[in-house]
All heavy atoms as atom14 arrays in JSON, in Angstrom:
{
  "sequence": "RGQFIWTPVCPEIMSGMGVPRASIKLSGGNGFDFWEGKATIKNKDGEN",
  "atom14_mask": [
    [1, 1, 1, 1, 1, 1, 1, 1, 1, 1, 1, 0, 0, 0],
    [1, 1, 1, 1, 0, 0, 0, 0, 0, 0, 0, 0, 0, 0],
    [1, 1, 1, 1, 1, 1, 1, 1, 1, 0, 0, 0, 0, 0],
    [1, 1, 1, 1, 1, 1, 1, 1, 1, 1, 1, 0, 0, 0],
    [1, 1, 1, 1, 1, 1, 1, 1, 0, 0, 0, 0, 0, 0],
    [1, 1, 1, 1, 1, 1, 1, 1, 1, 1, 1, 1, 1, 1],
    [1, 1, 1, 1, 1, 1, 1, 0, 0, 0, 0, 0, 0, 0],
    [1, 1, 1, 1, 1, 1, 1, 0, 0, 0, 0, 0, 0, 0],
    [1, 1, 1, 1, 1, 1, 1, 0, 0, 0, 0, 0, 0, 0],
    [1, 1, 1, 1, 1, 1, 0, 0, 0, 0, 0, 0, 0, 0],
    [1, 1, 1, 1, 1, 1, 1, 0, 0, 0, 0, 0, 0, 0],
    [1, 1, 1, 1, 1, 1, 1, 1, 1, 0, 0, 0, 0, 0],
    [1, 1, 1, 1, 1, 1, 1, 1, 0, 0, 0, 0, 0, 0],
    [1, 1, 1, 1, 1, 1, 1, 1, 0, 0, 0, 0, 0, 0],
    [1, 1, 1, 1, 1, 1, 0, 0, 0, 0, 0, 0, 0, 0],
    [1, 1, 1, 1, 0, 0, 0, 0, 0, 0, 0, 0, 0, 0],
    [1, 1, 1, 1, 1, 1, 1, 1, 0, 0, 0, 0, 0, 0],
    [1, 1, 1, 1, 0, 0, 0, 0, 0, 0, 0, 0, 0, 0],
    [1, 1, 1, 1, 1, 1, 1, 0, 0, 0, 0, 0, 0, 0],
    [1, 1, 1, 1, 1, 1, 1, 0, 0, 0, 0, 0, 0, 0],
    [1, 1, 1, 1, 1, 1, 1, 1, 1, 1, 1, 0, 0, 0],
    [1, 1, 1, 1, 1, 0, 0, 0, 0, 0, 0, 0, 0, 0],
    [1, 1, 1, 1, 1, 1, 0, 0, 0, 0, 0, 0, 0, 0],
    [1, 1, 1, 1, 1, 1, 1, 1, 0, 0, 0, 0, 0, 0],
    [1, 1, 1, 1, 1, 1, 1, 1, 1, 0, 0, 0, 0, 0],
    [1, 1, 1, 1, 1, 1, 1, 1, 0, 0, 0, 0, 0, 0],
    [1, 1, 1, 1, 1, 1, 0, 0, 0, 0, 0, 0, 0, 0],
    [1, 1, 1, 1, 0, 0, 0, 0, 0, 0, 0, 0, 0, 0],
    [1, 1, 1, 1, 0, 0, 0, 0, 0, 0, 0, 0, 0, 0],
    [1, 1, 1, 1, 1, 1, 1, 1, 0, 0, 0, 0, 0, 0],
    [1, 1, 1, 1, 0, 0, 0, 0, 0, 0, 0, 0, 0, 0],
    [1, 1, 1, 1, 1, 1, 1, 1, 1, 1, 1, 0, 0, 0],
    [1, 1, 1, 1, 1, 1, 1, 1, 0, 0, 0, 0, 0, 0],
    [1, 1, 1, 1, 1, 1, 1, 1, 1, 1, 1, 0, 0, 0],
    [1, 1, 1, 1, 1, 1, 1, 1, 1, 1, 1, 1, 1, 1],
    [1, 1, 1, 1, 1, 1, 1, 1, 1, 0, 0, 0, 0, 0],
    [1, 1, 1, 1, 0, 0, 0, 0, 0, 0, 0, 0, 0, 0],
    [1, 1, 1, 1, 1, 1, 1, 1, 1, 0, 0, 0, 0, 0],
    [1, 1, 1, 1, 1, 0, 0, 0, 0, 0, 0, 0, 0, 0],
    [1, 1, 1, 1, 1, 1, 1, 0, 0, 0, 0, 0, 0, 0],
    [1, 1, 1, 1, 1, 1, 1, 1, 0, 0, 0, 0, 0, 0],
    [1, 1, 1, 1, 1, 1, 1, 1, 1, 0, 0, 0, 0, 0],
    [1, 1, 1, 1, 1, 1, 1, 1, 0, 0, 0, 0, 0, 0],
    [1, 1, 1, 1, 1, 1, 1, 1, 1, 0, 0, 0, 0, 0],
    [1, 1, 1, 1, 1, 1, 1, 1, 0, 0, 0, 0, 0, 0],
    [1, 1, 1, 1, 0, 0, 0, 0, 0, 0, 0, 0, 0, 0],
    [1, 1, 1, 1, 1, 1, 1, 1, 1, 0, 0, 0, 0, 0],
    [1, 1, 1, 1, 1, 1, 1, 1, 0, 0, 0, 0, 0, 0]
  ],
  "atom14_positions": [
    [[0.83, -1.21, 0.0], [0.0, 0.0, 0.0], [0.86, 1.26, 0.0], [0.53, 2.26, -0.64], [-0.93, 0.01, 1.21], [-2.03, 1.05, 1.16], [-2.86, 1.0, 2.44], [-4.11, 1.74, 2.34], [-4.24, 3.05, 2.52], [-3.17, 3.77, 2.8], [-5.43, 3.64, 2.42], [0.0, 0.0, 0.0], [0.0, 0.0, 0.0], [0.0, 0.0, 0.0]],
    [[1.97, 1.21, 0.71], [2.84, 2.37, 0.81], [3.76, 2.57, -0.37], [4.53, 3.53, -0.41], [0.0, 0.0, 0.0], [0.0, 0.0, 0.0], [0.0, 0.0, 0.0], [0.0, 0.0, 0.0], [0.0, 0.0, 0.0], [0.0, 0.0, 0.0], [0.0, 0.0, 0.0], [0.0, 0.0, 0.0], [0.0, 0.0, 0.0], [0.0, 0.0, 0.0]],
    [[3.7, 1.66, -1.35], [4.57, 1.77, -2.52], [3.94, 2.58, -3.65], [4.53, 2.69, -4.74], [4.93, 0.37, -3.04], [5.81, -0.42, -2.09], [6.34, -1.69, -2.73], [5.79, -2.2, -3.7], [7.42, -2.2, -2.18], [0.0, 0.0, 0.0], [0.0, 0.0, 0.0], [0.0, 0.0, 0.0], [0.0, 0.0, 0.0], [0.0, 0.0, 0.0]],
    [[2.75, 3.12, -3.39], [2.04, 3.85, -4.45], [1.53, 5.19, -3.92], [1.35, 5.38, -2.72], [0.86, 3.02, -4.97], [1.25, 1.65, -5.45], [1.14, 0.54, -4.61], [1.75, 1.47, -6.73], [1.51, -0.72, -5.05], [2.12, 0.21, -7.17], [2.0, -0.89, -6.33], [0.0, 0.0, 0.0], [0.0, 0.0, 0.0], [0.0, 0.0, 0.0]],
    [[1.27, 6.1, -4.85], [0.6, 7.36, -4.54], [-0.85, 7.21, -5.01], [-1.1, 6.88, -6.18], [1.28, 8.54, -5.26], [2.72, 8.68, -4.77], [0.49, 9.83, -5.03], [3.54, 9.66, -5.58], [0.0, 0.0, 0.0], [0.0, 0.0, 0.0], [0.0, 0.0, 0.0], [0.0, 0.0, 0.0], [0.0, 0.0, 0.0], [0.0, 0.0, 0.0]],
    [[-1.8, 7.44, -4.1], [-3.21, 7.14, -4.39], [-4.01, 8.42, -4.65], [-3.82, 9.44, -3.99], [-3.83, 6.4, -3.2], [-3.13, 5.12, -2.87], [-2.09, 4.94, -2.0], [-3.4, 3.83, -3.43], [-1.7, 3.63, -1.97], [-2.49, 2.92, -2.84], [-4.33, 3.36, -4.36], [-2.48, 1.56, -3.16], [-4.32, 2.01, -4.69], [-3.4, 1.13, -4.09]],
    [[-4.91, 8.31, -5.62], [-5.84, 9.42, -5.92], [-7.26, 8.85, -5.95], [-7.7, 8.3, -6.96], [-5.52, 10.07, -7.27], [-4.17, 10.58, -7.26], [-6.48, 11.23, -7.56], [0.0, 0.0, 0.0], [0.0, 0.0, 0.0], [0.0, 0.0, 0.0], [0.0, 0.0, 0.0], [0.0, 0.0, 0.0], [0.0, 0.0, 0.0], [0.0, 0.0, 0.0]],
    [[-8.0, 8.95, -4.83], [-9.38, 8.45, -4.79], [-10.35, 9.45, -5.44], [-10.24, 10.66, -5.19], [-9.68, 8.29, -3.3], [-8.45, 8.73, -2.57], [-7.56, 9.43, -3.52], [0.0, 0.0, 0.0], [0.0, 0.0, 0.0], [0.0, 0.0, 0.0], [0.0, 0.0, 0.0], [0.0, 0.0, 0.0], [0.0, 0.0, 0.0], [0.0, 0.0, 0.0]],
    [[-11.26, 8.95, -6.24], [-12.3, 9.8, -6.85], [-13.63, 9.07, -6.83], [-13.67, 7.83, -6.78], [-11.95, 10.2, -8.3], [-10.69, 11.05, -8.37], [-11.82, 8.97, -9.2], [0.0, 0.0, 0.0], [0.0, 0.0, 0.0], [0.0, 0.0, 0.0], [0.0, 0.0, 0.0], [0.0, 0.0, 0.0], [0.0, 0.0, 0.0], [0.0, 0.0, 0.0]],
    [[-14.72, 9.83, -6.88], [-16.07, 9.25, -6.96], [-16.92, 10.12, -7.88], [-17.29, 11.25, -7.5], [-16.72, 9.16, -5.58], [-18.44, 8.57, -5.66], [0.0, 0.0, 0.0], [0.0, 0.0, 0.0], [0.0, 0.0, 0.0], [0.0, 0.0, 0.0], [0.0, 0.0, 0.0], [0.0, 0.0, 0.0], [0.0, 0.0, 0.0], [0.0, 0.0, 0.0]],
    [[-17.25, 9.64, -9.07], [-18.04, 10.44, -10.01], [-19.44, 10.77, -9.5], [-19.98, 11.82, -9.84], [-18.1, 9.57, -11.27], [-17.74, 8.19, -10.83], [-16.82, 8.35, -9.66], [0.0, 0.0, 0.0], [0.0, 0.0, 0.0], [0.0, 0.0, 0.0], [0.0, 0.0, 0.0], [0.0, 0.0, 0.0], [0.0, 0.0, 0.0], [0.0, 0.0, 0.0]],
    [[-20.0, 9.89, -8.66], [-21.35, 10.18, -8.16], [-21.33, 11.29, -7.11], [-22.23, 12.12, -7.05], [-21.99, 8.9, -7.62], [-22.25, 7.88, -8.73], [-22.98, 6.63, -8.24], [-23.7, 6.71, -7.23], [-22.82, 5.56, -8.89], [0.0, 0.0, 0.0], [0.0, 0.0, 0.0], [0.0, 0.0, 0.0], [0.0, 0.0, 0.0], [0.0, 0.0, 0.0]],
    [[-20.28, 11.32, -6.28], [-20.14, 12.43, -5.33], [-19.85, 13.73, -6.07], [-20.42, 14.78, -5.78], [-19.01, 12.13, -4.32], [-19.48, 11.07, -3.32], [-18.59, 13.39, -3.58], [-20.64, 11.51, -2.44], [0.0, 0.0, 0.0], [0.0, 0.0, 0.0], [0.0, 0.0, 0.0], [0.0, 0.0, 0.0], [0.0, 0.0, 0.0], [0.0, 0.0, 0.0]],
    [[-18.95, 13.66, -7.07], [-18.6, 14.86, -7.83], [-19.76, 15.37, -8.67], [-19.76, 16.51, -9.13], [-17.38, 14.58, -8.71], [-16.09, 14.37, -7.93], [-15.65, 15.76, -6.88], [-15.26, 16.99, -8.12], [0.0, 0.0, 0.0], [0.0, 0.0, 0.0], [0.0, 0.0, 0.0], [0.0, 0.0, 0.0], [0.0, 0.0, 0.0], [0.0, 0.0, 0.0]],
    [[-20.78, 14.52, -8.86], [-21.97, 14.95, -9.59], [-22.83, 15.89, -8.74], [-23.66, 16.63, -9.26], [-22.81, 13.74, -10.0], [-23.5, 13.19, -8.88], [0.0, 0.0, 0.0], [0.0, 0.0, 0.0], [0.0, 0.0, 0.0], [0.0, 0.0, 0.0], [0.0, 0.0, 0.0], [0.0, 0.0, 0.0], [0.0, 0.0, 0.0], [0.0, 0.0, 0.0]],
    [[-22.64, 15.81, -7.42], [-23.41, 16.65, -6.53], [-24.63, 15.96, -5.93], [-25.45, 16.6, -5.27], [0.0, 0.0, 0.0], [0.0, 0.0, 0.0], [0.0, 0.0, 0.0], [0.0, 0.0, 0.0], [0.0, 0.0, 0.0], [0.0, 0.0, 0.0], [0.0, 0.0, 0.0], [0.0, 0.0, 0.0], [0.0, 0.0, 0.0], [0.0, 0.0, 0.0]],
    [[-24.73, 14.63, -6.11], [-25.93, 13.94, -5.62], [-25.91, 13.7, -4.1], [-26.94, 13.46, -3.5], [-26.11, 12.6, -6.36], [-26.57, 12.79, -7.79], [-27.06, 11.23, -8.6], [-25.47, 10.42, -8.8], [0.0, 0.0, 0.0], [0.0, 0.0, 0.0], [0.0, 0.0, 0.0], [0.0, 0.0, 0.0], [0.0, 0.0, 0.0], [0.0, 0.0, 0.0]],
    [[-24.73, 13.71, -3.49], [-24.65, 13.6, -2.03], [-24.82, 12.2, -1.48], [-25.01, 11.23, -2.21], [0.0, 0.0, 0.0], [0.0, 0.0, 0.0], [0.0, 0.0, 0.0], [0.0, 0.0, 0.0], [0.0, 0.0, 0.0], [0.0, 0.0, 0.0], [0.0, 0.0, 0.0], [0.0, 0.0, 0.0], [0.0, 0.0, 0.0], [0.0, 0.0, 0.0]],
    [[-24.7, 12.08, -0.14], [-24.82, 10.81, 0.6], [-25.74, 11.04, 1.79], [-25.55, 12.0, 2.54], [-23.43, 10.35, 1.1], [-23.56, 9.08, 1.92], [-22.45, 10.14, -0.03], [0.0, 0.0, 0.0], [0.0, 0.0, 0.0], [0.0, 0.0, 0.0], [0.0, 0.0, 0.0], [0.0, 0.0, 0.0], [0.0, 0.0, 0.0], [0.0, 0.0, 0.0]],
    [[-26.72, 10.16, 2.03], [-27.13, 9.06, 1.14], [-27.91, 9.61, -0.05], [-28.31, 10.78, -0.05], [-28.02, 8.21, 2.04], [-28.61, 9.19, 3.01], [-27.54, 10.23, 3.25], [0.0, 0.0, 0.0], [0.0, 0.0, 0.0], [0.0, 0.0, 0.0], [0.0, 0.0, 0.0], [0.0, 0.0, 0.0], [0.0, 0.0, 0.0], [0.0, 0.0, 0.0]],
    [[-28.15, 8.76, -1.06], [-28.86, 9.18, -2.26], [-29.58, 7.97, -2.84], [-29.25, 6.82, -2.54], [-27.89, 9.74, -3.29], [-26.79, 8.76, -3.71], [-25.77, 9.4, -4.66], [-24.67, 8.47, -4.96], [-23.58, 8.33, -4.24], [-23.43, 9.05, -3.13], [-22.64, 7.46, -4.58], [0.0, 0.0, 0.0], [0.0, 0.0, 0.0], [0.0, 0.0, 0.0]],
    [[-30.55, 8.23, -3.66], [-31.24, 7.14, -4.35], [-30.28, 6.49, -5.34], [-29.52, 7.2, -6.03], [-32.47, 7.68, -5.07], [0.0, 0.0, 0.0], [0.0, 0.0, 0.0], [0.0, 0.0, 0.0], [0.0, 0.0, 0.0], [0.0, 0.0, 0.0], [0.0, 0.0, 0.0], [0.0, 0.0, 0.0], [0.0, 0.0, 0.0], [0.0, 0.0, 0.0]],
    [[-30.26, 5.17, -5.41], [-29.38, 4.47, -6.34], [-29.76, 4.82, -7.78], [-30.9, 5.18, -8.08], [-29.47, 2.96, -6.13], [-30.8, 2.51, -6.32], [0.0, 0.0, 0.0], [0.0, 0.0, 0.0], [0.0, 0.0, 0.0], [0.0, 0.0, 0.0], [0.0, 0.0, 0.0], [0.0, 0.0, 0.0], [0.0, 0.0, 0.0], [0.0, 0.0, 0.0]],
    [[-28.77, 4.74, -8.68], [-28.98, 5.1, -10.07], [-28.84, 3.88, -10.98], [-28.29, 2.85, -10.58], [-28.0, 6.19, -10.53], [-26.55, 5.71, -10.36], [-28.26, 7.48, -9.79], [-25.51, 6.68, -10.92], [0.0, 0.0, 0.0], [0.0, 0.0, 0.0], [0.0, 0.0, 0.0], [0.0, 0.0, 0.0], [0.0, 0.0, 0.0], [0.0, 0.0, 0.0]],
    [[-29.35, 4.02, -12.22], [-29.33, 2.91, -13.16], [-29.21, 3.44, -14.58], [-29.83, 4.44, -14.95], [-30.61, 2.08, -13.02], [-30.68, 0.86, -13.93], [-31.98, 0.11, -13.71], [-32.07, -1.12, -14.61], [-33.35, -1.85, -14.41], [0.0, 0.0, 0.0], [0.0, 0.0, 0.0], [0.0, 0.0, 0.0], [0.0, 0.0, 0.0], [0.0, 0.0, 0.0]],
    [[-28.36, 2.77, -15.38], [-28.26, 3.09, -16.8], [-29.52, 2.64, -17.51], [-29.99, 1.52, -17.3], [-27.05, 2.38, -17.42], [-25.74, 3.16, -17.53], [-24.61, 2.22, -17.9], [-25.85, 4.28, -18.55], [0.0, 0.0, 0.0], [0.0, 0.0, 0.0], [0.0, 0.0, 0.0], [0.0, 0.0, 0.0], [0.0, 0.0, 0.0], [0.0, 0.0, 0.0]],
    [[-30.04, 3.46, -18.37], [-31.27, 3.13, -19.09], [-31.11, 3.44, -20.57], [-30.63, 4.52, -20.94], [-32.44, 3.94, -18.51], [-33.63, 3.7, -19.22], [0.0, 0.0, 0.0], [0.0, 0.0, 0.0], [0.0, 0.0, 0.0], [0.0, 0.0, 0.0], [0.0, 0.0, 0.0], [0.0, 0.0, 0.0], [0.0, 0.0, 0.0], [0.0, 0.0, 0.0]],
    [[-31.46, 2.48, -21.42], [-31.43, 2.7, -22.86], [-30.11, 2.36, -23.53], [-29.93, 2.61, -24.72], [0.0, 0.0, 0.0], [0.0, 0.0, 0.0], [0.0, 0.0, 0.0], [0.0, 0.0, 0.0], [0.0, 0.0, 0.0], [0.0, 0.0, 0.0], [0.0, 0.0, 0.0], [0.0, 0.0, 0.0], [0.0, 0.0, 0.0], [0.0, 0.0, 0.0]],
    [[-29.17, 1.77, -22.79], [-27.88, 1.4, -23.38], [-26.79, 1.4, -22.34], [-27.04, 1.45, -21.14], [0.0, 0.0, 0.0], [0.0, 0.0, 0.0], [0.0, 0.0, 0.0], [0.0, 0.0, 0.0], [0.0, 0.0, 0.0], [0.0, 0.0, 0.0], [0.0, 0.0, 0.0], [0.0, 0.0, 0.0], [0.0, 0.0, 0.0], [0.0, 0.0, 0.0]],
    [[-25.54, 1.35, -22.8], [-24.4, 1.31, -21.88], [-23.71, 2.66, -21.8], [-24.21, 3.67, -22.32], [-23.42, 0.21, -22.3], [-22.83, 0.45, -23.7], [-22.82, 1.57, -24.2], [-22.34, -0.6, -24.31], [0.0, 0.0, 0.0], [0.0, 0.0, 0.0], [0.0, 0.0, 0.0], [0.0, 0.0, 0.0], [0.0, 0.0, 0.0], [0.0, 0.0, 0.0]],
    [[-22.54, 2.69, -21.15], [-21.83, 3.94, -20.96], [-21.38, 4.59, -22.26], [-21.38, 5.82, -22.37], [0.0, 0.0, 0.0], [0.0, 0.0, 0.0], [0.0, 0.0, 0.0], [0.0, 0.0, 0.0], [0.0, 0.0, 0.0], [0.0, 0.0, 0.0], [0.0, 0.0, 0.0], [0.0, 0.0, 0.0], [0.0, 0.0, 0.0], [0.0, 0.0, 0.0]],
    [[-20.98, 3.78, -23.24], [-20.61, 4.34, -24.54], [-21.82, 5.02, -25.18], [-21.71, 6.11, -25.75], [-20.06, 3.25, -25.46], [-18.76, 2.66, -25.01], [-18.61, 1.28, -24.9], [-17.66, 3.46, -24.71], [-17.42, 0.72, -24.49], [-16.45, 2.92, -24.3], [-16.33, 1.53, -24.19], [0.0, 0.0, 0.0], [0.0, 0.0, 0.0], [0.0, 0.0, 0.0]],
    [[-22.97, 4.36, -25.09], [-24.2, 4.94, -25.62], [-24.54, 6.25, -24.9], [-25.03, 7.2, -25.53], [-25.37, 3.96, -25.47], [-25.16, 2.67, -26.25], [-24.63, 2.75, -27.38], [-25.51, 1.59, -25.73], [0.0, 0.0, 0.0], [0.0, 0.0, 0.0], [0.0, 0.0, 0.0], [0.0, 0.0, 0.0], [0.0, 0.0, 0.0], [0.0, 0.0, 0.0]],
    [[-24.28, 6.28, -23.61], [-24.56, 7.48, -22.81], [-23.83, 8.69, -23.37], [-24.41, 9.78, -23.53], [-24.15, 7.24, -21.35], [-24.3, 8.44, -20.47], [-25.5, 8.68, -19.8], [-23.26, 9.35, -20.29], [-25.65, 9.8, -18.97], [-23.4, 10.46, -19.47], [-24.6, 10.68, -18.81], [0.0, 0.0, 0.0], [0.0, 0.0, 0.0], [0.0, 0.0, 0.0]],
    [[-22.55, 8.52, -23.68], [-21.74, 9.65, -24.17], [-22.12, 10.05, -25.59], [-21.77, 11.14, -26.04], [-20.26, 9.33, -24.06], [-19.83, 9.26, -22.63], [-19.54, 8.13, -21.91], [-19.68, 10.35, -21.72], [-19.22, 8.45, -20.62], [-19.3, 9.81, -20.48], [-19.83, 11.73, -21.85], [-19.07, 10.62, -19.36], [-19.61, 12.52, -20.73], [-19.23, 11.98, -19.51]],
    [[-22.85, 9.18, -26.28], [-23.35, 9.52, -27.62], [-24.78, 10.03, -27.57], [-25.4, 10.29, -28.6], [-23.28, 8.29, -28.53], [-21.86, 7.83, -28.83], [-21.83, 6.57, -29.7], [-22.92, 6.11, -30.1], [-20.72, 6.07, -29.98], [0.0, 0.0, 0.0], [0.0, 0.0, 0.0], [0.0, 0.0, 0.0], [0.0, 0.0, 0.0], [0.0, 0.0, 0.0]],
    [[-25.32, 10.19, -26.35], [-26.66, 10.71, -26.19], [-27.76, 9.69, -26.44], [-28.94, 10.06, -26.55], [0.0, 0.0, 0.0], [0.0, 0.0, 0.0], [0.0, 0.0, 0.0], [0.0, 0.0, 0.0], [0.0, 0.0, 0.0], [0.0, 0.0, 0.0], [0.0, 0.0, 0.0], [0.0, 0.0, 0.0], [0.0, 0.0, 0.0], [0.0, 0.0, 0.0]],
    [[-27.41, 8.39, -26.48], [-28.39, 7.34, -26.78], [-28.92, 6.65, -25.52], [-29.86, 5.87, -25.59], [-27.76, 6.29, -27.7], [-27.28, 6.84, -29.03], [-26.56, 5.75, -29.82], [-26.0, 6.31, -31.13], [-25.24, 5.25, -31.87], [0.0, 0.0, 0.0], [0.0, 0.0, 0.0], [0.0, 0.0, 0.0], [0.0, 0.0, 0.0], [0.0, 0.0, 0.0]],
    [[-28.29, 6.89, -24.38], [-28.71, 6.28, -23.12], [-28.72, 7.35, -22.04], [-28.15, 8.44, -22.22], [-27.76, 5.14, -22.72], [0.0, 0.0, 0.0], [0.0, 0.0, 0.0], [0.0, 0.0, 0.0], [0.0, 0.0, 0.0], [0.0, 0.0, 0.0], [0.0, 0.0, 0.0], [0.0, 0.0, 0.0], [0.0, 0.0, 0.0], [0.0, 0.0, 0.0]],
    [[-29.35, 7.05, -20.94], [-29.44, 8.04, -19.87], [-29.27, 7.37, -18.51], [-29.13, 6.14, -18.42], [-30.8, 8.78, -19.92], [-30.76, 9.9, -19.03], [-31.95, 7.86, -19.53], [0.0, 0.0, 0.0], [0.0, 0.0, 0.0], [0.0, 0.0, 0.0], [0.0, 0.0, 0.0], [0.0, 0.0, 0.0], [0.0, 0.0, 0.0], [0.0, 0.0, 0.0]],
    [[-29.23, 8.18, -17.47], [-29.12, 7.7, -16.09], [-30.32, 8.22, -15.3], [-30.61, 9.42, -15.31], [-27.82, 8.22, -15.42], [-26.59, 7.46, -15.92], [-27.92, 8.12, -13.91], [-26.31, 6.16, -15.19], [0.0, 0.0, 0.0], [0.0, 0.0, 0.0], [0.0, 0.0, 0.0], [0.0, 0.0, 0.0], [0.0, 0.0, 0.0], [0.0, 0.0, 0.0]],
    [[-31.0, 7.3, -14.63], [-32.12, 7.68, -13.77], [-31.91, 7.05, -12.39], [-31.29, 6.0, -12.27], [-33.44, 7.2, -14.36], [-33.83, 7.89, -15.66], [-35.18, 7.4, -16.16], [-35.58, 8.09, -17.46], [-36.91, 7.63, -17.94], [0.0, 0.0, 0.0], [0.0, 0.0, 0.0], [0.0, 0.0, 0.0], [0.0, 0.0, 0.0], [0.0, 0.0, 0.0]],
    [[-32.43, 7.72, -11.36], [-32.38, 7.1, -10.05], [-33.63, 6.25, -9.83], [-34.52, 6.2, -10.69], [-32.19, 8.14, -8.94], [-33.39, 9.08, -8.79], [-34.48, 8.81, -9.29], [-33.18, 10.18, -8.09], [0.0, 0.0, 0.0], [0.0, 0.0, 0.0], [0.0, 0.0, 0.0], [0.0, 0.0, 0.0], [0.0, 0.0, 0.0], [0.0, 0.0, 0.0]],
    [[-33.7, 5.56, -8.71], [-34.8, 4.61, -8.49], [-36.16, 5.32, -8.36], [-37.2, 4.67, -8.45], [-34.53, 3.74, -7.27], [-34.6, 4.47, -5.94], [-34.44, 3.47, -4.81], [-34.59, 4.15, -3.45], [-34.49, 3.19, -2.32], [0.0, 0.0, 0.0], [0.0, 0.0, 0.0], [0.0, 0.0, 0.0], [0.0, 0.0, 0.0], [0.0, 0.0, 0.0]],
    [[-36.11, 6.64, -8.17], [-37.36, 7.41, -8.1], [-37.8, 7.9, -9.48], [-38.8, 8.6, -9.6], [-37.18, 8.61, -7.17], [-36.87, 8.19, -5.74], [-37.43, 7.16, -5.3], [-36.06, 8.87, -5.08], [0.0, 0.0, 0.0], [0.0, 0.0, 0.0], [0.0, 0.0, 0.0], [0.0, 0.0, 0.0], [0.0, 0.0, 0.0], [0.0, 0.0, 0.0]],
    [[-37.02, 7.52, -10.52], [-37.37, 7.9, -11.87], [-36.86, 9.26, -12.31], [-37.15, 9.72, -13.42], [0.0, 0.0, 0.0], [0.0, 0.0, 0.0], [0.0, 0.0, 0.0], [0.0, 0.0, 0.0], [0.0, 0.0, 0.0], [0.0, 0.0, 0.0], [0.0, 0.0, 0.0], [0.0, 0.0, 0.0], [0.0, 0.0, 0.0], [0.0, 0.0, 0.0]],
    [[-36.05, 9.92, -11.45], [-35.53, 11.24, -11.79], [-34.32, 11.11, -12.72], [-33.44, 10.27, -12.51], [-35.12, 11.98, -10.52], [-36.27, 12.24, -9.57], [-35.8, 12.79, -8.24], [-34.67, 12.45, -7.81], [-36.56, 13.56, -7.63], [0.0, 0.0, 0.0], [0.0, 0.0, 0.0], [0.0, 0.0, 0.0], [0.0, 0.0, 0.0], [0.0, 0.0, 0.0]],
    [[-34.25, 11.94, -13.74], [-33.15, 11.93, -14.69], [-31.93, 12.62, -14.08], [-31.99, 13.8, -13.72], [-33.56, 12.63, -15.99], [-32.54, 12.38, -17.11], [-31.35, 12.6, -16.93], [-33.02, 11.94, -18.25], [0.0, 0.0, 0.0], [0.0, 0.0, 0.0], [0.0, 0.0, 0.0], [0.0, 0.0, 0.0], [0.0, 0.0, 0.0], [0.0, 0.0, 0.0]]
  ]
}
């Protein structure tokens, strides 16, 4: 563990959704599709 320099990141925290939060799910495709505008992310409450 001490042989490396670590950089922890969390895209969901950096999104501003906070803790705790409703879980999210990819809808309409995968991550590649998401970046092409073909898929989206919604939380379990149905919010985009």
